Amino acid sequence: MVVIRLSRGGSKHRPFYNIVVADKRVRRDGRFIERLGFYNPAAKEGEEKMRVAQDRLTYWKGVGAQASPTVERLLKQAPAAAA
């Protein structure tokens, strides 16, 4: 199954996440099919916290990719940032 999930980057105590499309069997930070955007929980004021390519997200959901609960929550919280 193909899933849309977060892949962690950044350094210790400064997380940065890429929103990726990956095979469910691949490890969290391993190989992925496509990078859809990013989420930066440690963004300071004036910095972009989240960006998602809406057209690609719609495509992947249309062909059956399932978003993880965390990604679903983030997309619902910041629909304006996802544009």
N, C-alpha and C. Protein backbone atom coordinates (compact mmCIF):
# COMPACT_ATOMS: atom_id res chain seq x y z
N MET A 1 0.84 -1.17 0.00
CA MET A 1 0.00 0.00 0.00
C MET A 1 0.89 1.24 0.00
N VAL A 2 0.42 2.28 -0.65
CA VAL A 2 1.13 3.56 -0.71
C VAL A 2 0.53 4.50 0.34
N VAL A 3 1.40 5.16 1.11
CA VAL A 3 0.94 6.05 2.17
C VAL A 3 1.59 7.43 2.02
N ILE A 4 0.89 8.43 2.55
CA ILE A 4 1.42 9.79 2.63
C ILE A 4 1.76 10.01 4.09
N ARG A 5 3.04 10.24 4.38
CA ARG A 5 3.47 10.33 5.77
C ARG A 5 4.62 11.31 5.93
N LEU A 6 5.03 11.49 7.18
CA LEU A 6 6.14 12.40 7.48
C LEU A 6 7.45 11.63 7.51
N SER A 7 8.50 12.26 7.01
CA SER A 7 9.84 11.71 7.06
C SER A 7 10.69 12.73 7.81
N ARG A 8 11.33 12.31 8.90
CA ARG A 8 12.02 13.26 9.77
C ARG A 8 13.39 13.65 9.23
N GLY A 9 13.69 14.91 9.40
CA GLY A 9 15.00 15.45 9.07
C GLY A 9 15.41 16.40 10.17
N GLY A 10 16.38 17.23 9.91
CA GLY A 10 16.82 18.18 10.93
C GLY A 10 17.83 17.56 11.87
N SER A 11 18.08 18.27 12.95
CA SER A 11 19.06 17.78 13.92
C SER A 11 18.37 17.53 15.26
N LYS A 12 19.16 17.15 16.24
CA LYS A 12 18.61 16.90 17.57
C LYS A 12 17.91 18.14 18.10
N HIS A 13 16.72 17.96 18.62
CA HIS A 13 15.92 19.03 19.22
C HIS A 13 15.49 20.11 18.23
N ARG A 14 15.72 19.91 16.92
CA ARG A 14 15.26 20.83 15.87
C ARG A 14 14.66 20.01 14.73
N PRO A 15 13.49 19.42 14.95
CA PRO A 15 12.92 18.55 13.92
C PRO A 15 12.45 19.33 12.70
N PHE A 16 12.50 18.65 11.57
CA PHE A 16 12.00 19.16 10.31
C PHE A 16 11.46 17.95 9.56
N TYR A 17 10.25 18.05 9.05
CA TYR A 17 9.63 16.89 8.43
C TYR A 17 9.31 17.16 6.97
N ASN A 18 9.60 16.17 6.12
CA ASN A 18 9.16 16.21 4.73
C ASN A 18 7.88 15.40 4.65
N ILE A 19 6.92 15.88 3.89
CA ILE A 19 5.69 15.13 3.64
C ILE A 19 5.94 14.35 2.36
N VAL A 20 5.98 13.02 2.47
CA VAL A 20 6.36 12.18 1.35
C VAL A 20 5.31 11.12 1.05
N VAL A 21 5.35 10.62 -0.17
CA VAL A 21 4.57 9.47 -0.59
C VAL A 21 5.53 8.30 -0.61
N ALA A 22 5.20 7.22 0.11
CA ALA A 22 6.12 6.09 0.21
C ALA A 22 5.35 4.78 0.30
N ASP A 23 6.04 3.70 0.03
CA ASP A 23 5.48 2.37 0.24
C ASP A 23 5.41 2.13 1.75
N LYS A 24 4.35 1.53 2.21
CA LYS A 24 4.15 1.32 3.64
C LYS A 24 5.25 0.45 4.26
N ARG A 25 5.85 -0.43 3.47
CA ARG A 25 6.85 -1.37 4.00
C ARG A 25 8.22 -0.74 4.20
N VAL A 26 8.44 0.45 3.64
CA VAL A 26 9.74 1.12 3.74
C VAL A 26 9.83 1.87 5.07
N ARG A 27 11.03 1.89 5.67
CA ARG A 27 11.19 2.57 6.96
C ARG A 27 10.89 4.06 6.86
N ARG A 28 10.69 4.67 8.00
CA ARG A 28 10.21 6.06 8.07
C ARG A 28 11.05 7.04 7.26
N ASP A 29 12.35 6.99 7.41
CA ASP A 29 13.22 7.96 6.73
C ASP A 29 13.89 7.36 5.49
N GLY A 30 13.38 6.24 5.04
CA GLY A 30 13.98 5.56 3.90
C GLY A 30 13.51 6.08 2.56
N ARG A 31 13.55 5.20 1.58
CA ARG A 31 13.20 5.54 0.21
C ARG A 31 11.75 6.01 0.10
N PHE A 32 11.52 6.98 -0.75
CA PHE A 32 10.16 7.47 -0.97
C PHE A 32 9.93 7.66 -2.45
N ILE A 33 8.66 7.76 -2.83
CA ILE A 33 8.29 7.89 -4.24
C ILE A 33 8.33 9.35 -4.66
N GLU A 34 7.73 10.23 -3.86
CA GLU A 34 7.68 11.65 -4.20
C GLU A 34 7.58 12.49 -2.93
N ARG A 35 8.23 13.66 -2.96
CA ARG A 35 8.14 14.61 -1.85
C ARG A 35 7.05 15.61 -2.20
N LEU A 36 6.05 15.73 -1.31
CA LEU A 36 4.93 16.62 -1.56
C LEU A 36 5.08 17.99 -0.91
N GLY A 37 5.88 18.07 0.14
CA GLY A 37 6.03 19.35 0.83
C GLY A 37 6.82 19.16 2.11
N PHE A 38 6.64 20.10 3.03
CA PHE A 38 7.35 20.02 4.31
C PHE A 38 6.50 20.56 5.44
N TYR A 39 6.92 20.22 6.66
CA TYR A 39 6.30 20.73 7.89
C TYR A 39 7.43 21.06 8.84
N ASN A 40 7.47 22.30 9.32
CA ASN A 40 8.51 22.74 10.24
C ASN A 40 7.86 23.17 11.55
N PRO A 41 7.80 22.27 12.55
CA PRO A 41 7.15 22.63 13.81
C PRO A 41 7.92 23.68 14.61
N ALA A 42 9.20 23.85 14.33
CA ALA A 42 10.02 24.81 15.07
C ALA A 42 10.16 26.14 14.33
N ALA A 43 9.26 26.43 13.40
CA ALA A 43 9.35 27.66 12.62
C ALA A 43 9.14 28.88 13.52
N LYS A 44 9.99 29.85 13.33
CA LYS A 44 9.86 31.10 14.08
C LYS A 44 8.88 32.01 13.35
N GLU A 45 8.53 33.09 13.99
CA GLU A 45 7.60 34.05 13.37
C GLU A 45 8.19 34.58 12.07
N GLY A 46 7.38 34.61 11.05
CA GLY A 46 7.83 35.06 9.75
C GLY A 46 8.34 33.95 8.86
N GLU A 47 8.59 32.77 9.41
CA GLU A 47 9.03 31.62 8.62
C GLU A 47 7.82 30.80 8.22
N GLU A 48 7.95 30.11 7.12
CA GLU A 48 6.88 29.25 6.63
C GLU A 48 6.85 27.97 7.46
N LYS A 49 5.68 27.63 8.00
CA LYS A 49 5.56 26.46 8.85
C LYS A 49 5.27 25.19 8.07
N MET A 50 4.49 25.34 6.98
CA MET A 50 4.11 24.17 6.22
C MET A 50 3.82 24.55 4.77
N ARG A 51 4.22 23.67 3.86
CA ARG A 51 3.90 23.86 2.44
C ARG A 51 3.62 22.49 1.84
N VAL A 52 2.54 22.41 1.06
CA VAL A 52 2.15 21.16 0.41
C VAL A 52 1.72 21.46 -1.01
N ALA A 53 2.14 20.64 -1.95
CA ALA A 53 1.70 20.76 -3.34
C ALA A 53 0.31 20.13 -3.43
N GLN A 54 -0.71 20.98 -3.41
CA GLN A 54 -2.10 20.50 -3.39
C GLN A 54 -2.45 19.63 -4.59
N ASP A 55 -1.97 19.99 -5.77
CA ASP A 55 -2.30 19.21 -6.95
C ASP A 55 -1.76 17.79 -6.86
N ARG A 56 -0.55 17.63 -6.35
CA ARG A 56 0.04 16.30 -6.21
C ARG A 56 -0.63 15.52 -5.08
N LEU A 57 -1.01 16.21 -4.02
CA LEU A 57 -1.73 15.56 -2.91
C LEU A 57 -3.06 15.02 -3.41
N THR A 58 -3.77 15.80 -4.19
CA THR A 58 -5.05 15.37 -4.75
C THR A 58 -4.85 14.18 -5.68
N TYR A 59 -3.79 14.22 -6.49
CA TYR A 59 -3.51 13.11 -7.39
C TYR A 59 -3.29 11.81 -6.62
N TRP A 60 -2.40 11.86 -5.62
CA TRP A 60 -2.07 10.64 -4.87
C TRP A 60 -3.26 10.10 -4.11
N LYS A 61 -4.07 10.97 -3.54
CA LYS A 61 -5.28 10.49 -2.86
C LYS A 61 -6.25 9.88 -3.87
N GLY A 62 -6.28 10.42 -5.07
CA GLY A 62 -7.15 9.92 -6.12
C GLY A 62 -6.78 8.53 -6.60
N VAL A 63 -5.50 8.20 -6.54
CA VAL A 63 -5.08 6.86 -6.99
C VAL A 63 -4.99 5.88 -5.82
N GLY A 64 -5.46 6.29 -4.63
CA GLY A 64 -5.59 5.34 -3.53
C GLY A 64 -4.59 5.45 -2.40
N ALA A 65 -3.73 6.45 -2.40
CA ALA A 65 -2.78 6.59 -1.30
C ALA A 65 -3.51 7.02 -0.03
N GLN A 66 -3.16 6.42 1.09
CA GLN A 66 -3.77 6.74 2.38
C GLN A 66 -2.85 7.67 3.16
N ALA A 67 -3.39 8.76 3.67
CA ALA A 67 -2.60 9.68 4.50
C ALA A 67 -2.56 9.16 5.93
N SER A 68 -1.42 9.34 6.58
CA SER A 68 -1.30 8.93 7.98
C SER A 68 -2.17 9.84 8.84
N PRO A 69 -2.54 9.39 10.03
CA PRO A 69 -3.37 10.25 10.90
C PRO A 69 -2.72 11.60 11.19
N THR A 70 -1.42 11.63 11.35
CA THR A 70 -0.72 12.88 11.64
C THR A 70 -0.79 13.83 10.45
N VAL A 71 -0.59 13.32 9.26
CA VAL A 71 -0.67 14.16 8.06
C VAL A 71 -2.09 14.67 7.87
N GLU A 72 -3.09 13.82 8.10
CA GLU A 72 -4.49 14.26 8.00
C GLU A 72 -4.76 15.41 8.97
N ARG A 73 -4.29 15.28 10.20
CA ARG A 73 -4.48 16.32 11.21
C ARG A 73 -3.81 17.63 10.79
N LEU A 74 -2.59 17.55 10.28
CA LEU A 74 -1.87 18.75 9.85
C LEU A 74 -2.58 19.44 8.69
N LEU A 75 -3.09 18.66 7.74
CA LEU A 75 -3.78 19.25 6.60
C LEU A 75 -5.08 19.91 7.00
N LYS A 76 -5.76 19.37 8.01
CA LYS A 76 -6.99 19.98 8.49
C LYS A 76 -6.71 21.25 9.28
N GLN A 77 -5.61 21.27 10.04
CA GLN A 77 -5.26 22.43 10.86
C GLN A 77 -4.84 23.62 10.02
N ALA A 78 -4.12 23.37 8.93
CA ALA A 78 -3.58 24.48 8.16
C ALA A 78 -3.94 24.38 6.69
N PRO A 79 -5.22 24.47 6.34
CA PRO A 79 -5.59 24.38 4.92
C PRO A 79 -5.07 25.56 4.11
N ALA A 80 -4.96 26.74 4.70
CA ALA A 80 -4.46 27.91 3.97
C ALA A 80 -2.96 27.77 3.68
N ALA A 81 -2.22 27.16 4.63
CA ALA A 81 -0.78 26.98 4.44
C ALA A 81 -0.49 25.90 3.40
N ALA A 82 -1.44 25.00 3.19
CA ALA A 82 -1.22 23.92 2.24
C ALA A 82 -1.38 24.36 0.79
N ALA A 83 -1.91 25.55 0.56
CA ALA A 83 -2.15 26.00 -0.82
C ALA A 83 -0.90 26.39 -1.55
